[in-house]
Amino acid sequence: MTTSFTATPDSLSVSRETFDRLRLYVDLLKKWNARINLVSRKTLAEVWSRHILDSVQVFRQVNEFDHWADLGSGGGFPGLVCAVMSIEIQPQARFTLVESDQRKSAFLRTVIRETGANCSVISKRIEMADPLKADVLSARALADLTTLLSFCDRHLQKNGVALFPKGAIWKKELEDAQREWKFDAEPIKSLTEPQAVILKIKGVSRG
């Protein structure tokens, strides 16, 4: 799907208004990426499948929520894409993006302003940010699962859900994490990469 995907409102199953916001996001990403490294140049050529669709599928793993936090947001994937998706579907929901890099934070705030997403940016290291008490916690290409679960322990509500896209070695990460943590994990097959999954995690506690 990665190489043959054509971005349209129908292919993403979104409204024309949401698609236009996502297209504005992509335009800003391409503009800023020339100055700061938000995504690799290789994946920029496949931005709709590698980054947008990959984030949209994360958003569709949950229904009702009030506060979604995204850690190590970088170029905004998946958190800011989810915030844009939420504008029409759950306009009352708020999003928090945690990104310590000041230039990337400036990019995120620009996209938020231009798209009208209900979103804020915290420019701190994840472990230094005050507990976010999020209903949903996401992170992509940030750290191994064991480390991510320590972030859940700090920033996720007790009954919340974490959504972590993971690549081909996800089973090993799961086994490693189970030595230190107790949690329930549901692997959901990725739409964009055949060996990848989204780990849907609940009930995190220290082992």
N, C-alpha and C. Protein backbone atom coordinates (compact mmCIF):
# COMPACT_ATOMS: atom_id res chain seq x y z
N MET A 1 0.83 -1.21 0.00
CA MET A 1 0.00 0.00 0.00
C MET A 1 0.86 1.26 0.00
N THR A 2 2.01 1.18 0.60
CA THR A 2 2.85 2.37 0.75
C THR A 2 3.18 3.01 -0.58
N THR A 3 3.49 2.19 -1.60
CA THR A 3 3.94 2.75 -2.87
C THR A 3 2.80 3.12 -3.79
N SER A 4 1.62 2.50 -3.63
CA SER A 4 0.53 2.72 -4.58
C SER A 4 -0.58 3.61 -4.03
N PHE A 5 -0.44 4.08 -2.81
CA PHE A 5 -1.51 4.83 -2.17
C PHE A 5 -1.65 6.22 -2.80
N THR A 6 -2.89 6.56 -3.16
CA THR A 6 -3.21 7.90 -3.66
C THR A 6 -4.12 8.58 -2.66
N ALA A 7 -3.72 9.76 -2.21
CA ALA A 7 -4.47 10.45 -1.16
C ALA A 7 -5.67 11.18 -1.74
N THR A 8 -6.85 10.79 -1.27
CA THR A 8 -8.10 11.46 -1.58
C THR A 8 -8.97 11.40 -0.33
N PRO A 9 -10.03 12.20 -0.28
CA PRO A 9 -10.94 12.05 0.86
C PRO A 9 -11.49 10.63 0.99
N ASP A 10 -11.78 9.98 -0.15
CA ASP A 10 -12.31 8.62 -0.11
C ASP A 10 -11.27 7.61 0.37
N SER A 11 -10.03 7.72 -0.12
CA SER A 11 -9.01 6.73 0.26
C SER A 11 -8.66 6.83 1.73
N LEU A 12 -8.84 8.01 2.32
CA LEU A 12 -8.59 8.19 3.75
C LEU A 12 -9.87 8.07 4.58
N SER A 13 -11.02 7.98 3.88
CA SER A 13 -12.34 7.93 4.55
C SER A 13 -12.55 9.13 5.47
N VAL A 14 -12.27 10.31 4.92
CA VAL A 14 -12.46 11.55 5.66
C VAL A 14 -13.29 12.52 4.82
N SER A 15 -13.80 13.56 5.46
CA SER A 15 -14.56 14.58 4.74
C SER A 15 -13.62 15.45 3.91
N ARG A 16 -14.20 16.18 2.98
CA ARG A 16 -13.40 17.11 2.18
C ARG A 16 -12.73 18.15 3.08
N GLU A 17 -13.43 18.60 4.12
CA GLU A 17 -12.87 19.61 5.01
C GLU A 17 -11.66 19.07 5.78
N THR A 18 -11.77 17.85 6.30
CA THR A 18 -10.64 17.24 7.00
C THR A 18 -9.48 17.01 6.04
N PHE A 19 -9.79 16.55 4.83
CA PHE A 19 -8.73 16.32 3.83
C PHE A 19 -7.99 17.62 3.51
N ASP A 20 -8.73 18.71 3.40
CA ASP A 20 -8.09 20.00 3.10
C ASP A 20 -7.16 20.43 4.24
N ARG A 21 -7.57 20.16 5.48
CA ARG A 21 -6.69 20.47 6.61
C ARG A 21 -5.43 19.60 6.58
N LEU A 22 -5.60 18.33 6.27
CA LEU A 22 -4.44 17.44 6.19
C LEU A 22 -3.51 17.85 5.04
N ARG A 23 -4.09 18.30 3.95
CA ARG A 23 -3.28 18.75 2.81
C ARG A 23 -2.51 20.01 3.18
N LEU A 24 -3.13 20.91 3.93
CA LEU A 24 -2.43 22.09 4.43
C LEU A 24 -1.26 21.67 5.33
N TYR A 25 -1.51 20.70 6.19
CA TYR A 25 -0.46 20.14 7.06
C TYR A 25 0.72 19.65 6.22
N VAL A 26 0.42 18.85 5.19
CA VAL A 26 1.47 18.29 4.34
C VAL A 26 2.26 19.41 3.64
N ASP A 27 1.56 20.42 3.18
CA ASP A 27 2.24 21.54 2.52
C ASP A 27 3.21 22.24 3.49
N LEU A 28 2.76 22.44 4.72
CA LEU A 28 3.62 23.06 5.73
C LEU A 28 4.80 22.16 6.08
N LEU A 29 4.55 20.87 6.15
CA LEU A 29 5.62 19.92 6.45
C LEU A 29 6.71 19.98 5.38
N LYS A 30 6.32 19.99 4.14
CA LYS A 30 7.30 20.04 3.05
C LYS A 30 8.09 21.35 3.08
N LYS A 31 7.40 22.43 3.38
CA LYS A 31 8.07 23.73 3.45
C LYS A 31 9.08 23.77 4.58
N TRP A 32 8.68 23.34 5.76
CA TRP A 32 9.56 23.39 6.94
C TRP A 32 10.66 22.34 6.86
N ASN A 33 10.38 21.22 6.21
CA ASN A 33 11.37 20.14 6.18
C ASN A 33 12.64 20.54 5.43
N ALA A 34 12.53 21.54 4.59
CA ALA A 34 13.71 22.03 3.89
C ALA A 34 14.67 22.73 4.85
N ARG A 35 14.14 23.17 6.00
CA ARG A 35 14.98 23.92 6.96
C ARG A 35 15.33 23.09 8.20
N ILE A 36 14.39 22.29 8.66
CA ILE A 36 14.66 21.44 9.83
C ILE A 36 14.24 20.02 9.51
N ASN A 37 14.91 19.07 10.10
CA ASN A 37 14.68 17.67 9.76
C ASN A 37 13.48 17.13 10.54
N LEU A 38 12.31 17.20 9.92
CA LEU A 38 11.09 16.69 10.54
C LEU A 38 10.86 15.23 10.17
N VAL A 39 11.05 14.91 8.90
CA VAL A 39 10.98 13.53 8.41
C VAL A 39 12.10 13.35 7.40
N SER A 40 12.47 12.10 7.12
CA SER A 40 13.53 11.86 6.15
C SER A 40 13.05 12.23 4.75
N ARG A 41 13.99 12.63 3.90
CA ARG A 41 13.63 13.02 2.54
C ARG A 41 13.02 11.85 1.78
N LYS A 42 13.48 10.64 2.08
CA LYS A 42 12.93 9.45 1.42
C LYS A 42 11.45 9.27 1.73
N THR A 43 11.08 9.40 3.00
CA THR A 43 9.67 9.21 3.37
C THR A 43 8.81 10.41 3.00
N LEU A 44 9.43 11.57 2.79
CA LEU A 44 8.66 12.75 2.39
C LEU A 44 7.97 12.52 1.05
N ALA A 45 8.60 11.74 0.18
CA ALA A 45 8.01 11.43 -1.12
C ALA A 45 6.77 10.56 -0.99
N GLU A 46 6.64 9.86 0.14
CA GLU A 46 5.49 9.01 0.39
C GLU A 46 4.75 9.48 1.64
N VAL A 47 4.68 10.79 1.80
CA VAL A 47 4.21 11.36 3.06
C VAL A 47 2.78 10.92 3.40
N TRP A 48 1.93 10.78 2.39
CA TRP A 48 0.54 10.46 2.68
C TRP A 48 0.37 9.04 3.23
N SER A 49 1.13 8.10 2.73
CA SER A 49 1.02 6.74 3.25
C SER A 49 1.91 6.52 4.46
N ARG A 50 3.16 6.98 4.40
CA ARG A 50 4.12 6.71 5.47
C ARG A 50 3.83 7.49 6.75
N HIS A 51 3.19 8.65 6.62
CA HIS A 51 2.98 9.48 7.80
C HIS A 51 1.51 9.80 8.08
N ILE A 52 0.76 10.24 7.06
CA ILE A 52 -0.63 10.64 7.31
C ILE A 52 -1.52 9.41 7.54
N LEU A 53 -1.58 8.50 6.58
CA LEU A 53 -2.41 7.30 6.74
C LEU A 53 -1.95 6.50 7.95
N ASP A 54 -0.66 6.42 8.16
CA ASP A 54 -0.13 5.67 9.30
C ASP A 54 -0.63 6.25 10.62
N SER A 55 -0.83 7.58 10.65
CA SER A 55 -1.35 8.24 11.85
C SER A 55 -2.87 8.14 11.94
N VAL A 56 -3.55 8.25 10.80
CA VAL A 56 -5.01 8.14 10.79
C VAL A 56 -5.46 6.80 11.36
N GLN A 57 -4.74 5.72 11.02
CA GLN A 57 -5.14 4.41 11.53
C GLN A 57 -4.98 4.32 13.05
N VAL A 58 -4.04 5.07 13.61
CA VAL A 58 -3.90 5.12 15.06
C VAL A 58 -5.12 5.81 15.67
N PHE A 59 -5.52 6.92 15.08
CA PHE A 59 -6.68 7.66 15.58
C PHE A 59 -7.92 6.79 15.64
N ARG A 60 -8.07 5.89 14.70
CA ARG A 60 -9.29 5.09 14.60
C ARG A 60 -9.32 3.90 15.56
N GLN A 61 -8.34 3.79 16.42
CA GLN A 61 -8.32 2.69 17.40
C GLN A 61 -9.08 3.03 18.68
N VAL A 62 -9.49 4.28 18.84
CA VAL A 62 -10.25 4.68 20.03
C VAL A 62 -11.47 5.48 19.62
N ASN A 63 -12.46 5.50 20.50
CA ASN A 63 -13.69 6.23 20.21
C ASN A 63 -13.81 7.47 21.08
N GLU A 64 -14.30 7.32 22.29
CA GLU A 64 -14.52 8.46 23.17
C GLU A 64 -13.28 8.76 24.01
N PHE A 65 -12.89 10.01 24.07
CA PHE A 65 -11.79 10.43 24.94
C PHE A 65 -11.88 11.94 25.12
N ASP A 66 -11.29 12.42 26.20
CA ASP A 66 -11.25 13.86 26.47
C ASP A 66 -9.87 14.46 26.23
N HIS A 67 -8.83 13.71 26.61
CA HIS A 67 -7.47 14.25 26.52
C HIS A 67 -6.54 13.21 25.91
N TRP A 68 -5.94 13.56 24.80
CA TRP A 68 -4.98 12.69 24.09
C TRP A 68 -3.61 13.36 24.17
N ALA A 69 -2.62 12.63 24.64
CA ALA A 69 -1.26 13.16 24.70
C ALA A 69 -0.35 12.35 23.77
N ASP A 70 0.50 13.06 23.04
CA ASP A 70 1.44 12.44 22.12
C ASP A 70 2.85 12.80 22.56
N LEU A 71 3.70 11.80 22.68
CA LEU A 71 5.04 12.00 23.23
C LEU A 71 6.11 11.98 22.14
N GLY A 72 7.06 12.89 22.25
CA GLY A 72 8.12 12.98 21.25
C GLY A 72 7.55 13.24 19.87
N SER A 73 6.70 14.25 19.77
CA SER A 73 5.86 14.43 18.58
C SER A 73 6.63 14.70 17.29
N GLY A 74 7.78 15.34 17.37
CA GLY A 74 8.57 15.58 16.15
C GLY A 74 7.80 16.35 15.10
N GLY A 75 7.54 15.69 13.96
CA GLY A 75 6.76 16.32 12.90
C GLY A 75 5.27 16.24 13.11
N GLY A 76 4.84 15.63 14.24
CA GLY A 76 3.42 15.60 14.57
C GLY A 76 2.73 14.27 14.35
N PHE A 77 3.53 13.21 14.19
CA PHE A 77 2.94 11.90 13.90
C PHE A 77 3.09 10.96 15.09
N PRO A 78 2.00 10.37 15.54
CA PRO A 78 0.65 10.51 15.01
C PRO A 78 -0.19 11.63 15.63
N GLY A 79 0.30 12.24 16.72
CA GLY A 79 -0.55 13.09 17.55
C GLY A 79 -1.25 14.24 16.86
N LEU A 80 -0.51 15.00 16.06
CA LEU A 80 -1.12 16.18 15.45
C LEU A 80 -2.07 15.80 14.32
N VAL A 81 -1.77 14.73 13.60
CA VAL A 81 -2.73 14.24 12.61
C VAL A 81 -4.02 13.82 13.31
N CYS A 82 -3.90 13.16 14.46
CA CYS A 82 -5.09 12.77 15.22
C CYS A 82 -5.88 13.99 15.69
N ALA A 83 -5.17 15.04 16.07
CA ALA A 83 -5.84 16.28 16.49
C ALA A 83 -6.60 16.91 15.34
N VAL A 84 -6.04 16.87 14.15
CA VAL A 84 -6.73 17.40 12.96
C VAL A 84 -7.94 16.54 12.64
N MET A 85 -7.80 15.23 12.73
CA MET A 85 -8.93 14.32 12.50
C MET A 85 -10.06 14.59 13.49
N SER A 86 -9.70 14.97 14.70
CA SER A 86 -10.68 15.12 15.78
C SER A 86 -11.51 16.39 15.67
N ILE A 87 -11.07 17.35 14.86
CA ILE A 87 -11.75 18.65 14.76
C ILE A 87 -13.24 18.47 14.45
N GLU A 88 -13.55 17.59 13.52
CA GLU A 88 -14.96 17.36 13.16
C GLU A 88 -15.59 16.27 14.00
N ILE A 89 -14.82 15.24 14.33
CA ILE A 89 -15.39 14.04 14.96
C ILE A 89 -15.60 14.22 16.46
N GLN A 90 -14.61 14.80 17.13
CA GLN A 90 -14.69 15.04 18.57
C GLN A 90 -14.11 16.42 18.88
N PRO A 91 -14.81 17.48 18.51
CA PRO A 91 -14.27 18.83 18.67
C PRO A 91 -13.98 19.23 20.11
N GLN A 92 -14.63 18.55 21.07
CA GLN A 92 -14.41 18.89 22.48
C GLN A 92 -13.11 18.29 23.01
N ALA A 93 -12.57 17.30 22.35
CA ALA A 93 -11.36 16.63 22.83
C ALA A 93 -10.14 17.55 22.67
N ARG A 94 -9.25 17.50 23.64
CA ARG A 94 -8.03 18.30 23.54
C ARG A 94 -6.81 17.40 23.42
N PHE A 95 -5.80 17.93 22.77
CA PHE A 95 -4.57 17.19 22.51
C PHE A 95 -3.38 17.95 23.07
N THR A 96 -2.43 17.19 23.60
CA THR A 96 -1.17 17.76 24.08
C THR A 96 -0.02 17.05 23.38
N LEU A 97 0.86 17.83 22.78
CA LEU A 97 2.04 17.29 22.12
C LEU A 97 3.26 17.64 22.96
N VAL A 98 4.08 16.65 23.28
CA VAL A 98 5.30 16.88 24.05
C VAL A 98 6.49 16.75 23.11
N GLU A 99 7.21 17.84 22.94
CA GLU A 99 8.36 17.85 22.02
C GLU A 99 9.42 18.82 22.57
N SER A 100 10.57 18.27 22.92
CA SER A 100 11.61 19.09 23.57
C SER A 100 12.37 19.99 22.61
N ASP A 101 12.39 19.65 21.32
CA ASP A 101 13.12 20.45 20.33
C ASP A 101 12.33 21.72 20.01
N GLN A 102 12.95 22.87 20.24
CA GLN A 102 12.24 24.15 20.09
C GLN A 102 11.81 24.42 18.65
N ARG A 103 12.64 24.05 17.68
CA ARG A 103 12.29 24.30 16.28
C ARG A 103 11.13 23.41 15.84
N LYS A 104 11.15 22.16 16.26
CA LYS A 104 10.03 21.28 15.95
C LYS A 104 8.76 21.75 16.64
N SER A 105 8.89 22.25 17.86
CA SER A 105 7.74 22.79 18.57
C SER A 105 7.15 23.98 17.82
N ALA A 106 8.01 24.82 17.24
CA ALA A 106 7.53 25.97 16.46
C ALA A 106 6.75 25.49 15.24
N PHE A 107 7.23 24.44 14.59
CA PHE A 107 6.50 23.87 13.45
C PHE A 107 5.12 23.37 13.90
N LEU A 108 5.10 22.62 14.99
CA LEU A 108 3.83 22.07 15.48
C LEU A 108 2.83 23.18 15.78
N ARG A 109 3.30 24.23 16.41
CA ARG A 109 2.40 25.35 16.74
C ARG A 109 1.89 26.05 15.49
N THR A 110 2.71 26.08 14.44
CA THR A 110 2.27 26.68 13.18
C THR A 110 1.15 25.86 12.56
N VAL A 111 1.30 24.54 12.54
CA VAL A 111 0.25 23.68 11.98
C VAL A 111 -1.02 23.79 12.80
N ILE A 112 -0.88 23.82 14.12
CA ILE A 112 -2.04 23.96 15.00
C ILE A 112 -2.80 25.24 14.68
N ARG A 113 -2.06 26.33 14.55
CA ARG A 113 -2.69 27.63 14.26
C ARG A 113 -3.38 27.62 12.90
N GLU A 114 -2.73 27.04 11.90
CA GLU A 114 -3.27 27.07 10.54
C GLU A 114 -4.46 26.13 10.35
N THR A 115 -4.48 25.02 11.08
CA THR A 115 -5.56 24.05 10.91
C THR A 115 -6.70 24.23 11.90
N GLY A 116 -6.45 24.95 13.00
CA GLY A 116 -7.48 25.15 14.01
C GLY A 116 -7.66 23.98 14.96
N ALA A 117 -6.65 23.10 15.04
CA ALA A 117 -6.74 21.95 15.94
C ALA A 117 -6.76 22.38 17.40
N ASN A 118 -7.51 21.66 18.23
CA ASN A 118 -7.60 21.93 19.67
C ASN A 118 -6.41 21.25 20.35
N CYS A 119 -5.27 21.92 20.30
CA CYS A 119 -4.01 21.25 20.62
C CYS A 119 -3.05 22.24 21.24
N SER A 120 -2.20 21.75 22.14
CA SER A 120 -1.15 22.59 22.72
C SER A 120 0.17 21.81 22.69
N VAL A 121 1.27 22.55 22.81
CA VAL A 121 2.60 21.94 22.74
C VAL A 121 3.34 22.23 24.04
N ILE A 122 3.94 21.20 24.61
CA ILE A 122 4.81 21.35 25.77
C ILE A 122 6.24 21.10 25.32
N SER A 123 7.07 22.12 25.41
CA SER A 123 8.46 22.03 24.94
C SER A 123 9.37 21.63 26.09
N LYS A 124 9.19 20.39 26.54
CA LYS A 124 10.01 19.85 27.63
C LYS A 124 10.34 18.40 27.32
N ARG A 125 11.33 17.86 28.03
CA ARG A 125 11.56 16.43 27.96
C ARG A 125 10.40 15.70 28.61
N ILE A 126 10.07 14.54 28.11
CA ILE A 126 8.90 13.80 28.56
C ILE A 126 8.94 13.55 30.07
N GLU A 127 10.12 13.17 30.57
CA GLU A 127 10.23 12.84 31.98
C GLU A 127 10.21 14.07 32.88
N MET A 128 10.36 15.26 32.28
CA MET A 128 10.34 16.51 33.05
C MET A 128 8.96 17.19 33.03
N ALA A 129 8.11 16.78 32.12
CA ALA A 129 6.77 17.37 32.03
C ALA A 129 5.92 16.91 33.21
N ASP A 130 5.06 17.80 33.70
CA ASP A 130 4.12 17.41 34.75
C ASP A 130 3.24 16.26 34.25
N PRO A 131 2.80 15.36 35.13
CA PRO A 131 1.93 14.26 34.70
C PRO A 131 0.73 14.79 33.91
N LEU A 132 0.49 14.20 32.74
CA LEU A 132 -0.51 14.73 31.81
C LEU A 132 -1.91 14.17 32.05
N LYS A 133 -2.00 13.04 32.76
CA LYS A 133 -3.29 12.42 33.07
C LYS A 133 -4.14 12.24 31.81
N ALA A 134 -3.52 11.68 30.77
CA ALA A 134 -4.19 11.52 29.48
C ALA A 134 -5.07 10.29 29.46
N ASP A 135 -6.17 10.36 28.70
CA ASP A 135 -7.02 9.20 28.44
C ASP A 135 -6.39 8.30 27.38
N VAL A 136 -5.70 8.96 26.44
CA VAL A 136 -5.01 8.24 25.36
C VAL A 136 -3.58 8.76 25.28
N LEU A 137 -2.64 7.84 25.15
CA LEU A 137 -1.23 8.22 25.04
C LEU A 137 -0.67 7.56 23.78
N SER A 138 0.02 8.34 22.95
CA SER A 138 0.60 7.78 21.73
C SER A 138 2.05 8.22 21.59
N ALA A 139 2.80 7.42 20.84
CA ALA A 139 4.19 7.75 20.52
C ALA A 139 4.60 6.87 19.35
N ARG A 140 5.33 7.46 18.40
CA ARG A 140 5.79 6.69 17.26
C ARG A 140 7.29 6.88 17.08
N ALA A 141 8.00 5.76 16.88
CA ALA A 141 9.45 5.79 16.62
C ALA A 141 10.18 6.60 17.68
N LEU A 142 9.79 6.42 18.94
CA LEU A 142 10.37 7.20 20.03
C LEU A 142 11.33 6.38 20.88
N ALA A 143 10.90 5.20 21.32
CA ALA A 143 11.70 4.41 22.26
C ALA A 143 11.18 2.98 22.25
N ASP A 144 11.93 2.08 22.91
CA ASP A 144 11.45 0.71 23.03
C ASP A 144 10.25 0.66 23.97
N LEU A 145 9.52 -0.45 23.92
CA LEU A 145 8.27 -0.55 24.66
C LEU A 145 8.47 -0.43 26.17
N THR A 146 9.56 -0.98 26.69
CA THR A 146 9.83 -0.89 28.12
C THR A 146 9.91 0.56 28.57
N THR A 147 10.61 1.37 27.79
CA THR A 147 10.71 2.81 28.10
C THR A 147 9.36 3.49 27.96
N LEU A 148 8.63 3.15 26.92
CA LEU A 148 7.32 3.76 26.70
C LEU A 148 6.36 3.46 27.85
N LEU A 149 6.46 2.28 28.41
CA LEU A 149 5.59 1.94 29.54
C LEU A 149 5.92 2.76 30.78
N SER A 150 7.19 3.14 30.93
CA SER A 150 7.53 4.03 32.04
C SER A 150 6.90 5.41 31.83
N PHE A 151 6.77 5.83 30.57
CA PHE A 151 6.07 7.08 30.27
C PHE A 151 4.58 6.94 30.54
N CYS A 152 4.03 5.77 30.25
CA CYS A 152 2.61 5.51 30.57
C CYS A 152 2.39 5.65 32.07
N ASP A 153 3.31 5.10 32.84
CA ASP A 153 3.20 5.13 34.30
C ASP A 153 3.11 6.57 34.80
N ARG A 154 3.77 7.48 34.10
CA ARG A 154 3.79 8.89 34.52
C ARG A 154 2.62 9.68 33.93
N HIS A 155 2.26 9.42 32.68
CA HIS A 155 1.37 10.34 31.96
C HIS A 155 -0.01 9.79 31.59
N LEU A 156 -0.25 8.49 31.78
CA LEU A 156 -1.53 7.91 31.37
C LEU A 156 -2.44 7.69 32.56
N GLN A 157 -3.72 8.06 32.40
CA GLN A 157 -4.72 7.79 33.42
C GLN A 157 -4.79 6.28 33.71
N LYS A 158 -5.21 5.93 34.88
CA LYS A 158 -5.27 4.52 35.29
C LYS A 158 -6.07 3.68 34.31
N ASN A 159 -7.18 4.19 33.82
CA ASN A 159 -8.04 3.44 32.91
C ASN A 159 -7.83 3.84 31.45
N GLY A 160 -6.72 4.52 31.17
CA GLY A 160 -6.46 4.99 29.82
C GLY A 160 -5.90 3.91 28.90
N VAL A 161 -5.71 4.28 27.64
CA VAL A 161 -5.19 3.36 26.63
C VAL A 161 -3.99 4.01 25.94
N ALA A 162 -2.96 3.20 25.71
CA ALA A 162 -1.78 3.66 24.97
C ALA A 162 -1.78 3.02 23.59
N LEU A 163 -1.37 3.80 22.60
CA LEU A 163 -1.31 3.34 21.21
C LEU A 163 0.10 3.56 20.68
N PHE A 164 0.81 2.48 20.45
CA PHE A 164 2.21 2.57 20.02
C PHE A 164 2.43 1.80 18.71
N PRO A 165 2.58 2.49 17.59
CA PRO A 165 2.97 1.79 16.36
C PRO A 165 4.35 1.18 16.52
N LYS A 166 4.48 -0.08 16.11
CA LYS A 166 5.74 -0.80 16.25
C LYS A 166 6.05 -1.59 14.99
N GLY A 167 7.35 -1.75 14.70
CA GLY A 167 7.79 -2.43 13.50
C GLY A 167 7.95 -3.93 13.67
N ALA A 168 8.79 -4.53 12.83
CA ALA A 168 8.89 -5.99 12.72
C ALA A 168 9.33 -6.70 14.00
N ILE A 169 10.06 -6.01 14.88
CA ILE A 169 10.55 -6.67 16.10
C ILE A 169 9.63 -6.45 17.30
N TRP A 170 8.37 -6.16 17.02
CA TRP A 170 7.44 -5.83 18.12
C TRP A 170 7.27 -6.98 19.12
N LYS A 171 7.34 -8.22 18.65
CA LYS A 171 7.17 -9.35 19.58
C LYS A 171 8.30 -9.41 20.61
N LYS A 172 9.51 -9.14 20.16
CA LYS A 172 10.64 -9.12 21.10
C LYS A 172 10.49 -7.98 22.11
N GLU A 173 10.07 -6.80 21.62
CA GLU A 173 9.86 -5.68 22.54
C GLU A 173 8.80 -6.03 23.57
N LEU A 174 7.78 -6.74 23.13
CA LEU A 174 6.70 -7.14 24.04
C LEU A 174 7.23 -8.08 25.12
N GLU A 175 8.02 -9.07 24.70
CA GLU A 175 8.59 -10.02 25.66
C GLU A 175 9.52 -9.32 26.65
N ASP A 176 10.35 -8.41 26.16
CA ASP A 176 11.27 -7.67 27.04
C ASP A 176 10.50 -6.84 28.07
N ALA A 177 9.45 -6.16 27.59
CA ALA A 177 8.67 -5.29 28.48
C ALA A 177 7.94 -6.07 29.55
N GLN A 178 7.53 -7.30 29.22
CA GLN A 178 6.77 -8.11 30.19
C GLN A 178 7.62 -8.56 31.36
N ARG A 179 8.94 -8.42 31.26
CA ARG A 179 9.80 -8.76 32.39
C ARG A 179 9.74 -7.69 33.49
N GLU A 180 9.38 -6.47 33.11
CA GLU A 180 9.38 -5.36 34.07
C GLU A 180 7.99 -4.80 34.37
N TRP A 181 7.05 -5.04 33.45
CA TRP A 181 5.74 -4.39 33.57
C TRP A 181 4.62 -5.41 33.43
N LYS A 182 3.49 -5.09 34.07
CA LYS A 182 2.25 -5.82 33.86
C LYS A 182 1.36 -4.94 32.97
N PHE A 183 0.77 -5.53 31.96
CA PHE A 183 -0.10 -4.77 31.06
C PHE A 183 -0.81 -5.74 30.12
N ASP A 184 -1.90 -5.26 29.54
CA ASP A 184 -2.61 -5.99 28.49
C ASP A 184 -2.27 -5.35 27.15
N ALA A 185 -1.88 -6.16 26.17
CA ALA A 185 -1.50 -5.64 24.86
C ALA A 185 -2.26 -6.35 23.75
N GLU A 186 -2.89 -5.57 22.89
CA GLU A 186 -3.58 -6.11 21.71
C GLU A 186 -2.84 -5.63 20.46
N PRO A 187 -2.20 -6.54 19.71
CA PRO A 187 -1.53 -6.12 18.48
C PRO A 187 -2.54 -5.99 17.33
N ILE A 188 -2.55 -4.84 16.69
CA ILE A 188 -3.46 -4.58 15.58
C ILE A 188 -2.63 -4.42 14.31
N LYS A 189 -2.91 -5.21 13.32
CA LYS A 189 -2.11 -5.22 12.09
C LYS A 189 -2.14 -3.86 11.41
N SER A 190 -0.97 -3.40 11.02
CA SER A 190 -0.86 -2.10 10.37
C SER A 190 -1.39 -2.15 8.93
N LEU A 191 -1.99 -1.04 8.51
CA LEU A 191 -2.46 -0.92 7.13
C LEU A 191 -1.33 -0.52 6.18
N THR A 192 -0.23 -0.02 6.73
CA THR A 192 0.80 0.58 5.88
C THR A 192 2.08 -0.25 5.77
N GLU A 193 2.32 -1.13 6.73
CA GLU A 193 3.53 -1.96 6.70
C GLU A 193 3.15 -3.40 7.07
N PRO A 194 3.48 -4.38 6.22
CA PRO A 194 3.01 -5.75 6.46
C PRO A 194 3.48 -6.38 7.75
N GLN A 195 4.66 -6.02 8.25
CA GLN A 195 5.18 -6.64 9.48
C GLN A 195 4.94 -5.78 10.72
N ALA A 196 4.33 -4.64 10.54
CA ALA A 196 4.14 -3.70 11.65
C ALA A 196 2.77 -3.88 12.30
N VAL A 197 2.67 -3.39 13.53
CA VAL A 197 1.41 -3.42 14.27
C VAL A 197 1.24 -2.11 15.04
N ILE A 198 0.03 -1.90 15.51
CA ILE A 198 -0.21 -0.89 16.53
C ILE A 198 -0.48 -1.67 17.82
N LEU A 199 0.34 -1.44 18.83
CA LEU A 199 0.10 -2.08 20.12
C LEU A 199 -0.88 -1.23 20.92
N LYS A 200 -2.02 -1.80 21.23
CA LYS A 200 -3.05 -1.14 22.02
C LYS A 200 -2.93 -1.66 23.43
N ILE A 201 -2.51 -0.80 24.35
CA ILE A 201 -2.08 -1.25 25.67
C ILE A 201 -2.95 -0.62 26.77
N LYS A 202 -3.33 -1.48 27.73
CA LYS A 202 -4.14 -1.02 28.87
C LYS A 202 -3.59 -1.66 30.14
N GLY A 203 -4.01 -1.13 31.28
CA GLY A 203 -3.71 -1.75 32.56
C GLY A 203 -2.24 -1.79 32.93
N VAL A 204 -1.53 -0.72 32.67
CA VAL A 204 -0.09 -0.69 32.92
C VAL A 204 0.20 -0.54 34.42
N SER A 205 1.02 -1.44 34.94
CA SER A 205 1.49 -1.33 36.31
C SER A 205 2.86 -1.99 36.40
N ARG A 206 3.62 -1.62 37.42
CA ARG A 206 4.96 -2.20 37.56
C ARG A 206 4.87 -3.68 37.93
N GLY A 207 5.74 -4.48 37.30
CA GLY A 207 5.72 -5.91 37.52
C GLY A 207 6.31 -6.28 38.88
